[in-house]
């Protein structure tokens, strides 16, 4: 297996931008739009194009970014003093609107609530993001990379993978067939999305008592995949690993399965 995804740039670029606006788009998602002159050079691949998002430690604090050399950035990041080191998280491009002077990039942030308390540094930032505040993002390319002969697709994600699956469905050729399982925390998170007519999009809103990823995994365990198809399973760790195991058992070669655990419940 290759150390790096094929669609990851060999010399990822670190961009700087500023917040343009923020808005609640569904009960579980806050959309932050960033803008800036540098974004005109961003080469968006569509699909599940993702990046590393850097945020100041606190509102109003300066943003200090690591130095990037080739694909190396982590050591430089750790060398930034703890009191100045930016928060870093991985996110997918929800949408991108290129413009020579004012390109815009959307980031859909999942809102995790613990009672009345909002959890997570990025979620807190997203809800209170102030226009003009700085952000940085390091381009990481895309993971979705099906074989050229694949025409049937099996896609599955929880809410953390929803922006990526939305982009993938938008990217698929009109002739594509298959099924996409989209598990979300709330029925209000079910929205219209673009997909080929031959792809059956199944929304799976959670109800009380369901562990995140459980509904999507159960759906995957009932799938009979085309051995010449391609599967993409991302989100909660148990969904990613369990989904891969179920699809392999059902006859899909591991070389035709991309999976990634974004978090652990």
C-alpha atoms as a PDB file:
ATOM      1  CA  UNK A   1       0.000   0.000   0.000  1.00  0.00           C
ATOM      2  CA  UNK A   2       1.314   3.430  -0.902  1.00  0.00           C
ATOM      3  CA  UNK A   3       2.387   5.611   1.995  1.00  0.00           C
ATOM      4  CA  UNK A   4       0.487   8.575   0.604  1.00  0.00           C
ATOM      5  CA  UNK A   5      -2.828   8.673  -1.304  1.00  0.00           C
ATOM      6  CA  UNK A   6      -2.292   8.992  -5.056  1.00  0.00           C
ATOM      7  CA  UNK A   7      -4.251  12.237  -5.200  1.00  0.00           C
ATOM      8  CA  UNK A   8      -2.328  13.934  -2.403  1.00  0.00           C
ATOM      9  CA  UNK A   9      -0.085  16.730  -3.735  1.00  0.00           C
ATOM     10  CA  UNK A  10       3.642  16.048  -3.455  1.00  0.00           C
ATOM     11  CA  UNK A  11       4.193  19.583  -2.203  1.00  0.00           C
ATOM     12  CA  UNK A  12       0.990  20.603  -0.402  1.00  0.00           C
ATOM     13  CA  UNK A  13       0.433  24.334  -0.221  1.00  0.00           C
ATOM     14  CA  UNK A  14      -0.414  26.129   3.006  1.00  0.00           C
ATOM     15  CA  UNK A  15      -3.004  28.839   2.312  1.00  0.00           C
ATOM     16  CA  UNK A  16      -4.097  31.721   4.499  1.00  0.00           C
ATOM     17  CA  UNK A  17      -7.599  33.172   4.422  1.00  0.00           C
ATOM     18  CA  UNK A  18     -10.116  34.994   6.581  1.00  0.00           C
ATOM     19  CA  UNK A  19     -13.652  34.250   7.711  1.00  0.00           C
ATOM     20  CA  UNK A  20     -16.319  35.793   5.475  1.00  0.00           C
ATOM     21  CA  UNK A  21     -19.441  34.546   7.295  1.00  0.00           C
ATOM     22  CA  UNK A  22     -20.942  31.690   9.304  1.00  0.00           C
ATOM     23  CA  UNK A  23     -24.440  30.217   9.287  1.00  0.00           C
ATOM     24  CA  UNK A  24     -26.391  27.268  10.687  1.00  0.00           C
ATOM     25  CA  UNK A  25     -27.447  25.105   7.749  1.00  0.00           C
ATOM     26  CA  UNK A  26     -29.123  22.272   9.713  1.00  0.00           C
ATOM     27  CA  UNK A  27     -29.473  21.200  13.353  1.00  0.00           C
ATOM     28  CA  UNK A  28     -26.053  19.495  13.369  1.00  0.00           C
ATOM     29  CA  UNK A  29     -24.027  21.591  10.919  1.00  0.00           C
ATOM     30  CA  UNK A  30     -22.542  25.085  10.941  1.00  0.00           C
ATOM     31  CA  UNK A  31     -21.130  26.362   7.640  1.00  0.00           C
ATOM     32  CA  UNK A  32     -18.152  28.706   7.783  1.00  0.00           C
ATOM     33  CA  UNK A  33     -17.186  30.447   4.548  1.00  0.00           C
ATOM     34  CA  UNK A  34     -13.609  31.657   4.208  1.00  0.00           C
ATOM     35  CA  UNK A  35     -12.182  33.946   1.550  1.00  0.00           C
ATOM     36  CA  UNK A  36      -8.883  35.437   0.428  1.00  0.00           C
ATOM     37  CA  UNK A  37      -6.743  36.251  -2.575  1.00  0.00           C
ATOM     38  CA  UNK A  38      -4.539  33.175  -2.130  1.00  0.00           C
ATOM     39  CA  UNK A  39      -7.524  30.855  -2.689  1.00  0.00           C
ATOM     40  CA  UNK A  40      -7.482  31.673  -6.410  1.00  0.00           C
ATOM     41  CA  UNK A  41      -4.510  29.289  -6.675  1.00  0.00           C
ATOM     42  CA  UNK A  42      -6.295  26.420  -4.889  1.00  0.00           C
ATOM     43  CA  UNK A  43      -6.688  23.476  -7.296  1.00  0.00           C
ATOM     44  CA  UNK A  44      -9.947  21.907  -6.154  1.00  0.00           C
ATOM     45  CA  UNK A  45     -10.373  18.257  -7.155  1.00  0.00           C
ATOM     46  CA  UNK A  46     -13.986  17.969  -6.053  1.00  0.00           C
ATOM     47  CA  UNK A  47     -14.591  14.490  -4.576  1.00  0.00           C
ATOM     48  CA  UNK A  48     -13.696  14.413  -0.864  1.00  0.00           C
ATOM     49  CA  UNK A  49     -10.904  16.979  -1.198  1.00  0.00           C
ATOM     50  CA  UNK A  50      -9.689  17.570   2.354  1.00  0.00           C
ATOM     51  CA  UNK A  51      -7.292  19.811   4.217  1.00  0.00           C
ATOM     52  CA  UNK A  52      -5.787  20.518   7.612  1.00  0.00           C
ATOM     53  CA  UNK A  53      -7.461  23.528   9.192  1.00  0.00           C
ATOM     54  CA  UNK A  54      -5.390  25.800  11.461  1.00  0.00           C
ATOM     55  CA  UNK A  55      -7.095  28.174  13.894  1.00  0.00           C
ATOM     56  CA  UNK A  56      -5.760  30.661  16.461  1.00  0.00           C
ATOM     57  CA  UNK A  57      -5.850  29.338  20.014  1.00  0.00           C
ATOM     58  CA  UNK A  58      -8.353  32.001  21.055  1.00  0.00           C
ATOM     59  CA  UNK A  59     -10.547  34.627  19.357  1.00  0.00           C
ATOM     60  CA  UNK A  60      -8.462  37.668  18.492  1.00  0.00           C
ATOM     61  CA  UNK A  61      -5.151  35.838  18.953  1.00  0.00           C
ATOM     62  CA  UNK A  62      -2.597  35.934  16.119  1.00  0.00           C
ATOM     63  CA  UNK A  63      -2.343  32.898  13.846  1.00  0.00           C
ATOM     64  CA  UNK A  64       1.111  31.358  13.777  1.00  0.00           C
ATOM     65  CA  UNK A  65       1.510  28.658  11.129  1.00  0.00           C
ATOM     66  CA  UNK A  66       4.057  25.843  10.692  1.00  0.00           C
ATOM     67  CA  UNK A  67       6.586  25.812   7.887  1.00  0.00           C
ATOM     68  CA  UNK A  68       5.821  23.311   5.134  1.00  0.00           C
ATOM     69  CA  UNK A  69       8.558  21.551   3.171  1.00  0.00           C
ATOM     70  CA  UNK A  70       7.367  18.943   0.722  1.00  0.00           C
ATOM     71  CA  UNK A  71       4.857  16.901   2.709  1.00  0.00           C
ATOM     72  CA  UNK A  72       6.571  17.668   6.019  1.00  0.00           C
ATOM     73  CA  UNK A  73       4.966  20.063   8.478  1.00  0.00           C
ATOM     74  CA  UNK A  74       4.361  18.190  11.744  1.00  0.00           C
ATOM     75  CA  UNK A  75       7.796  18.728  13.285  1.00  0.00           C
ATOM     76  CA  UNK A  76       7.629  22.449  12.532  1.00  0.00           C
ATOM     77  CA  UNK A  77       4.142  22.527  14.046  1.00  0.00           C
ATOM     78  CA  UNK A  78       5.356  20.939  17.285  1.00  0.00           C
ATOM     79  CA  UNK A  79       8.226  23.432  17.484  1.00  0.00           C
ATOM     80  CA  UNK A  80       5.752  26.300  17.832  1.00  0.00           C
ATOM     81  CA  UNK A  81       5.546  27.140  21.569  1.00  0.00           C
ATOM     82  CA  UNK A  82       2.471  25.543  23.178  1.00  0.00           C
ATOM     83  CA  UNK A  83       1.015  28.938  24.036  1.00  0.00           C
ATOM     84  CA  UNK A  84       1.130  30.019  20.374  1.00  0.00           C
ATOM     85  CA  UNK A  85       0.547  26.722  18.568  1.00  0.00           C
ATOM     86  CA  UNK A  86      -2.633  26.844  16.451  1.00  0.00           C
ATOM     87  CA  UNK A  87      -5.416  24.319  16.784  1.00  0.00           C
ATOM     88  CA  UNK A  88      -5.287  21.785  13.920  1.00  0.00           C
ATOM     89  CA  UNK A  89      -8.125  19.568  12.641  1.00  0.00           C
ATOM     90  CA  UNK A  90      -8.936  17.770   9.396  1.00  0.00           C
ATOM     91  CA  UNK A  91     -11.883  18.940   7.273  1.00  0.00           C
ATOM     92  CA  UNK A  92     -13.348  18.462   3.801  1.00  0.00           C
ATOM     93  CA  UNK A  93     -14.081  21.197   1.286  1.00  0.00           C
ATOM     94  CA  UNK A  94     -17.884  21.445   1.311  1.00  0.00           C
ATOM     95  CA  UNK A  95     -17.869  23.730  -1.733  1.00  0.00           C
ATOM     96  CA  UNK A  96     -15.505  26.062  -3.559  1.00  0.00           C
ATOM     97  CA  UNK A  97     -16.287  29.095  -5.704  1.00  0.00           C
ATOM     98  CA  UNK A  98     -13.135  30.311  -7.481  1.00  0.00           C
ATOM     99  CA  UNK A  99     -12.724  33.984  -8.292  1.00  0.00           C
ATOM    100  CA  UNK A 100      -9.648  35.958  -9.261  1.00  0.00           C
ATOM    101  CA  UNK A 101     -10.131  38.398  -6.395  1.00  0.00           C
ATOM    102  CA  UNK A 102     -12.509  36.865  -3.875  1.00  0.00           C
ATOM    103  CA  UNK A 103     -12.652  33.062  -4.006  1.00  0.00           C
ATOM    104  CA  UNK A 104     -14.832  31.441  -1.344  1.00  0.00           C
ATOM    105  CA  UNK A 105     -14.474  28.035   0.332  1.00  0.00           C
ATOM    106  CA  UNK A 106     -17.158  26.471   2.548  1.00  0.00           C
ATOM    107  CA  UNK A 107     -16.382  24.348   5.605  1.00  0.00           C
ATOM    108  CA  UNK A 108     -19.243  22.352   7.136  1.00  0.00           C
ATOM    109  CA  UNK A 109     -18.536  21.758  10.832  1.00  0.00           C
ATOM    110  CA  UNK A 110     -20.414  19.120  12.830  1.00  0.00           C
ATOM    111  CA  UNK A 111     -21.883  20.456  16.080  1.00  0.00           C
ATOM    112  CA  UNK A 112     -21.539  17.941  18.918  1.00  0.00           C
ATOM    113  CA  UNK A 113     -23.714  18.801  21.889  1.00  0.00           C
ATOM    114  CA  UNK A 114     -23.317  17.495  25.433  1.00  0.00           C
ATOM    115  CA  UNK A 115     -26.617  18.559  26.925  1.00  0.00           C
ATOM    116  CA  UNK A 116     -26.669  22.313  26.395  1.00  0.00           C
ATOM    117  CA  UNK A 117     -22.887  22.510  26.028  1.00  0.00           C
ATOM    118  CA  UNK A 118     -21.239  22.618  22.611  1.00  0.00           C
ATOM    119  CA  UNK A 119     -18.147  20.422  22.479  1.00  0.00           C
ATOM    120  CA  UNK A 120     -14.983  20.820  20.437  1.00  0.00           C
ATOM    121  CA  UNK A 121     -12.704  23.727  19.621  1.00  0.00           C
ATOM    122  CA  UNK A 122     -13.669  23.903  15.937  1.00  0.00           C
ATOM    123  CA  UNK A 123     -17.409  23.726  16.622  1.00  0.00           C
ATOM    124  CA  UNK A 124     -17.093  26.540  19.159  1.00  0.00           C
ATOM    125  CA  UNK A 125     -15.078  28.563  16.639  1.00  0.00           C
ATOM    126  CA  UNK A 126     -17.561  27.878  13.840  1.00  0.00           C
ATOM    127  CA  UNK A 127     -20.583  29.095  15.773  1.00  0.00           C
ATOM    128  CA  UNK A 128     -18.860  32.291  16.893  1.00  0.00           C
ATOM    129  CA  UNK A 129     -16.565  32.904  13.915  1.00  0.00           C
ATOM    130  CA  UNK A 130     -15.994  36.622  13.388  1.00  0.00           C
ATOM    131  CA  UNK A 131     -15.675  37.970   9.822  1.00  0.00           C
ATOM    132  CA  UNK A 132     -12.073  38.922   9.125  1.00  0.00           C
ATOM    133  CA  UNK A 133     -10.538  36.484  11.615  1.00  0.00           C
ATOM    134  CA  UNK A 134      -7.605  34.469  10.205  1.00  0.00           C
ATOM    135  CA  UNK A 135      -7.433  30.783   9.289  1.00  0.00           C
ATOM    136  CA  UNK A 136      -4.879  28.601   7.570  1.00  0.00           C
ATOM    137  CA  UNK A 137      -5.376  25.402   5.620  1.00  0.00           C
ATOM    138  CA  UNK A 138      -2.962  22.859   4.244  1.00  0.00           C
ATOM    139  CA  UNK A 139      -4.114  21.165   1.032  1.00  0.00           C
ATOM    140  CA  UNK A 140      -4.163  17.338   1.318  1.00  0.00           C
ATOM    141  CA  UNK A 141      -5.871  16.277  -1.913  1.00  0.00           C
ATOM    142  CA  UNK A 142      -8.528  13.528  -2.102  1.00  0.00           C
ATOM    143  CA  UNK A 143      -8.864   9.943  -0.856  1.00  0.00           C
ATOM    144  CA  UNK A 144     -11.711   8.850  -3.163  1.00  0.00           C
ATOM    145  CA  UNK A 145      -9.856   7.180  -6.021  1.00  0.00           C
ATOM    146  CA  UNK A 146     -11.792   4.345  -7.705  1.00  0.00           C
ATOM    147  CA  UNK A 147     -10.333   2.010 -10.319  1.00  0.00           C
ATOM    148  CA  UNK A 148     -11.048   3.195 -13.865  1.00  0.00           C
ATOM    149  CA  UNK A 149     -13.270   0.175 -14.552  1.00  0.00           C
ATOM    150  CA  UNK A 150     -15.554   0.722 -11.546  1.00  0.00           C
ATOM    151  CA  UNK A 151     -19.103   1.779 -12.372  1.00  0.00           C
ATOM    152  CA  UNK A 152     -20.954   0.561  -9.264  1.00  0.00           C
ATOM    153  CA  UNK A 153     -20.248   2.290  -5.956  1.00  0.00           C
ATOM    154  CA  UNK A 154     -21.003   1.615  -2.317  1.00  0.00           C
ATOM    155  CA  UNK A 155     -20.593   4.733  -0.185  1.00  0.00           C
ATOM    156  CA  UNK A 156     -21.158   5.107   3.551  1.00  0.00           C
ATOM    157  CA  UNK A 157     -20.443   7.781   6.153  1.00  0.00           C
ATOM    158  CA  UNK A 158     -21.690   9.287   9.368  1.00  0.00           C
ATOM    159  CA  UNK A 159     -22.047  13.049   9.769  1.00  0.00           C
ATOM    160  CA  UNK A 160     -18.279  13.641   9.817  1.00  0.00           C
ATOM    161  CA  UNK A 161     -17.988  12.155   6.340  1.00  0.00           C
ATOM    162  CA  UNK A 162     -21.116  13.784   4.915  1.00  0.00           C
ATOM    163  CA  UNK A 163     -19.347  16.760   3.250  1.00  0.00           C
ATOM    164  CA  UNK A 164     -17.003  14.321   1.521  1.00  0.00           C
ATOM    165  CA  UNK A 165     -19.783  12.037   0.312  1.00  0.00           C
ATOM    166  CA  UNK A 166     -21.761  15.019  -0.938  1.00  0.00           C
ATOM    167  CA  UNK A 167     -18.737  16.019  -3.027  1.00  0.00           C
ATOM    168  CA  UNK A 168     -18.210  12.469  -4.272  1.00  0.00           C
ATOM    169  CA  UNK A 169     -21.831  12.099  -5.369  1.00  0.00           C
ATOM    170  CA  UNK A 170     -21.544  15.403  -7.193  1.00  0.00           C
ATOM    171  CA  UNK A 171     -18.357  14.146  -8.899  1.00  0.00           C
ATOM    172  CA  UNK A 172     -19.603  10.730 -10.078  1.00  0.00           C
ATOM    173  CA  UNK A 173     -20.440  10.272 -13.770  1.00  0.00           C
ATOM    174  CA  UNK A 174     -24.147  10.239 -14.648  1.00  0.00           C
ATOM    175  CA  UNK A 175     -23.788   6.569 -15.630  1.00  0.00           C
ATOM    176  CA  UNK A 176     -22.741   5.533 -12.098  1.00  0.00           C
ATOM    177  CA  UNK A 177     -24.877   3.108 -10.110  1.00  0.00           C
ATOM    178  CA  UNK A 178     -24.827   1.967  -6.497  1.00  0.00           C
ATOM    179  CA  UNK A 179     -25.911   2.998  -3.019  1.00  0.00           C
ATOM    180  CA  UNK A 180     -24.925   5.746  -0.591  1.00  0.00           C
ATOM    181  CA  UNK A 181     -25.709   5.442   3.116  1.00  0.00           C
ATOM    182  CA  UNK A 182     -25.670   8.805   4.913  1.00  0.00           C
ATOM    183  CA  UNK A 183     -26.087   8.595   8.683  1.00  0.00           C
ATOM    184  CA  UNK A 184     -26.870  11.888  10.437  1.00  0.00           C
ATOM    185  CA  UNK A 185     -27.755  12.849  14.029  1.00  0.00           C
ATOM    186  CA  UNK A 186     -31.109  14.466  13.244  1.00  0.00           C
ATOM    187  CA  UNK A 187     -33.860  14.235  10.671  1.00  0.00           C
ATOM    188  CA  UNK A 188     -33.410  17.948  10.074  1.00  0.00           C
ATOM    189  CA  UNK A 189     -29.954  17.217   8.659  1.00  0.00           C
ATOM    190  CA  UNK A 190     -31.493  15.465   5.639  1.00  0.00           C
ATOM    191  CA  UNK A 191     -31.095  17.809   2.678  1.00  0.00           C
ATOM    192  CA  UNK A 192     -31.306  17.776  -1.103  1.00  0.00           C
ATOM    193  CA  UNK A 193     -28.081  16.759  -2.814  1.00  0.00           C
ATOM    194  CA  UNK A 194     -26.913  16.073  -6.346  1.00  0.00           C
ATOM    195  CA  UNK A 195     -26.348  12.432  -7.307  1.00  0.00           C
ATOM    196  CA  UNK A 196     -26.543  10.286 -10.444  1.00  0.00           C
ATOM    197  CA  UNK A 197     -30.005   8.824 -11.051  1.00  0.00           C
ATOM    198  CA  UNK A 198     -28.630   5.293 -10.697  1.00  0.00           C
ATOM    199  CA  UNK A 199     -27.276   5.852  -7.172  1.00  0.00           C
ATOM    200  CA  UNK A 200     -29.761   5.135  -4.391  1.00  0.00           C
ATOM    201  CA  UNK A 201     -29.166   7.723  -1.632  1.00  0.00           C
ATOM    202  CA  UNK A 202     -30.409   6.480   1.737  1.00  0.00           C
ATOM    203  CA  UNK A 203     -30.511   8.878   4.670  1.00  0.00           C
ATOM    204  CA  UNK A 204     -30.248   7.276   8.110  1.00  0.00           C
ATOM    205  CA  UNK A 205     -31.215   9.737  10.876  1.00  0.00           C
ATOM    206  CA  UNK A 206     -30.234   8.429  14.299  1.00  0.00           C
ATOM    207  CA  UNK A 207     -32.690   7.943  17.126  1.00  0.00           C
ATOM    208  CA  UNK A 208     -31.974   7.766  20.848  1.00  0.00           C
ATOM    209  CA  UNK A 209     -29.872   4.776  21.788  1.00  0.00           C
ATOM    210  CA  UNK A 210     -27.976   4.406  18.530  1.00  0.00           C
ATOM    211  CA  UNK A 211     -24.204   4.736  18.660  1.00  0.00           C
ATOM    212  CA  UNK A 212     -22.822   6.960  15.864  1.00  0.00           C
ATOM    213  CA  UNK A 213     -22.047   4.815  12.831  1.00  0.00           C
ATOM    214  CA  UNK A 214     -24.230   1.915  13.958  1.00  0.00           C
ATOM    215  CA  UNK A 215     -27.018   2.472  11.433  1.00  0.00           C
ATOM    216  CA  UNK A 216     -24.666   2.876   8.474  1.00  0.00           C
ATOM    217  CA  UNK A 217     -22.712  -0.221   9.488  1.00  0.00           C
ATOM    218  CA  UNK A 218     -25.880  -2.295   9.774  1.00  0.00           C
ATOM    219  CA  UNK A 219     -26.873  -1.162   6.285  1.00  0.00           C
ATOM    220  CA  UNK A 220     -23.463  -2.101   4.883  1.00  0.00           C
ATOM    221  CA  UNK A 221     -23.736  -5.569   6.378  1.00  0.00           C
ATOM    222  CA  UNK A 222     -26.765  -6.206   4.148  1.00  0.00           C
ATOM    223  CA  UNK A 223     -25.027  -5.143   0.927  1.00  0.00           C
ATOM    224  CA  UNK A 224     -24.111  -7.571  -1.863  1.00  0.00           C
ATOM    225  CA  UNK A 225     -21.398  -5.613  -3.662  1.00  0.00           C
ATOM    226  CA  UNK A 226     -20.331  -6.069  -7.254  1.00  0.00           C
ATOM    227  CA  UNK A 227     -16.824  -7.624  -7.076  1.00  0.00           C
ATOM    228  CA  UNK A 228     -15.796  -5.145  -9.771  1.00  0.00           C
ATOM    229  CA  UNK A 229     -17.236  -2.174  -7.899  1.00  0.00           C
ATOM    230  CA  UNK A 230     -15.661   0.240  -5.431  1.00  0.00           C
ATOM    231  CA  UNK A 231     -16.504   1.138  -1.837  1.00  0.00           C
ATOM    232  CA  UNK A 232     -15.745   4.206   0.233  1.00  0.00           C
ATOM    233  CA  UNK A 233     -16.491   4.046   3.975  1.00  0.00           C
ATOM    234  CA  UNK A 234     -15.554   6.861   6.375  1.00  0.00           C
ATOM    235  CA  UNK A 235     -16.540   8.295   9.728  1.00  0.00           C
ATOM    236  CA  UNK A 236     -16.578   6.793  13.199  1.00  0.00           C
ATOM    237  CA  UNK A 237     -13.815   4.210  13.640  1.00  0.00           C
ATOM    238  CA  UNK A 238     -16.146   1.258  14.171  1.00  0.00           C
ATOM    239  CA  UNK A 239     -18.088   2.105  11.013  1.00  0.00           C
ATOM    240  CA  UNK A 240     -14.911   2.363   8.930  1.00  0.00           C
ATOM    241  CA  UNK A 241     -13.257  -0.859  10.098  1.00  0.00           C
ATOM    242  CA  UNK A 242     -16.496  -2.819  10.456  1.00  0.00           C
ATOM    243  CA  UNK A 243     -17.689  -1.682   7.049  1.00  0.00           C
ATOM    244  CA  UNK A 244     -14.450  -2.773   5.409  1.00  0.00           C
ATOM    245  CA  UNK A 245     -14.707  -6.153   7.122  1.00  0.00           C
ATOM    246  CA  UNK A 246     -18.324  -6.655   6.027  1.00  0.00           C
ATOM    247  CA  UNK A 247     -17.661  -5.700   2.411  1.00  0.00           C
ATOM    248  CA  UNK A 248     -14.603  -7.944   2.214  1.00  0.00           C
ATOM    249  CA  UNK A 249     -16.633 -10.841   3.622  1.00  0.00           C
ATOM    250  CA  UNK A 250     -19.305 -10.140   0.981  1.00  0.00           C
ATOM    251  CA  UNK A 251     -16.746 -10.550  -1.795  1.00  0.00           C
ATOM    252  CA  UNK A 252     -15.374  -7.089  -2.540  1.00  0.00           C
ATOM    253  CA  UNK A 253     -11.553  -7.156  -2.853  1.00  0.00           C
ATOM    254  CA  UNK A 254      -9.740  -5.006  -0.278  1.00  0.00           C
ATOM    255  CA  UNK A 255      -7.975  -3.204  -3.143  1.00  0.00           C
ATOM    256  CA  UNK A 256     -11.394  -1.818  -4.074  1.00  0.00           C
ATOM    257  CA  UNK A 257     -12.251  -0.509  -0.610  1.00  0.00           C
ATOM    258  CA  UNK A 258     -11.135   2.856   0.768  1.00  0.00           C
ATOM    259  CA  UNK A 259     -11.890   3.336   4.444  1.00  0.00           C
ATOM    260  CA  UNK A 260     -10.872   5.813   7.126  1.00  0.00           C
ATOM    261  CA  UNK A 261     -11.813   6.273  10.763  1.00  0.00           C
ATOM    262  CA  UNK A 262     -12.122  10.000  11.482  1.00  0.00           C
ATOM    263  CA  UNK A 263     -12.983   9.688  15.166  1.00  0.00           C
ATOM    264  CA  UNK A 264     -13.936   7.194  17.910  1.00  0.00           C
ATOM    265  CA  UNK A 265     -17.274   7.262  19.722  1.00  0.00           C
END
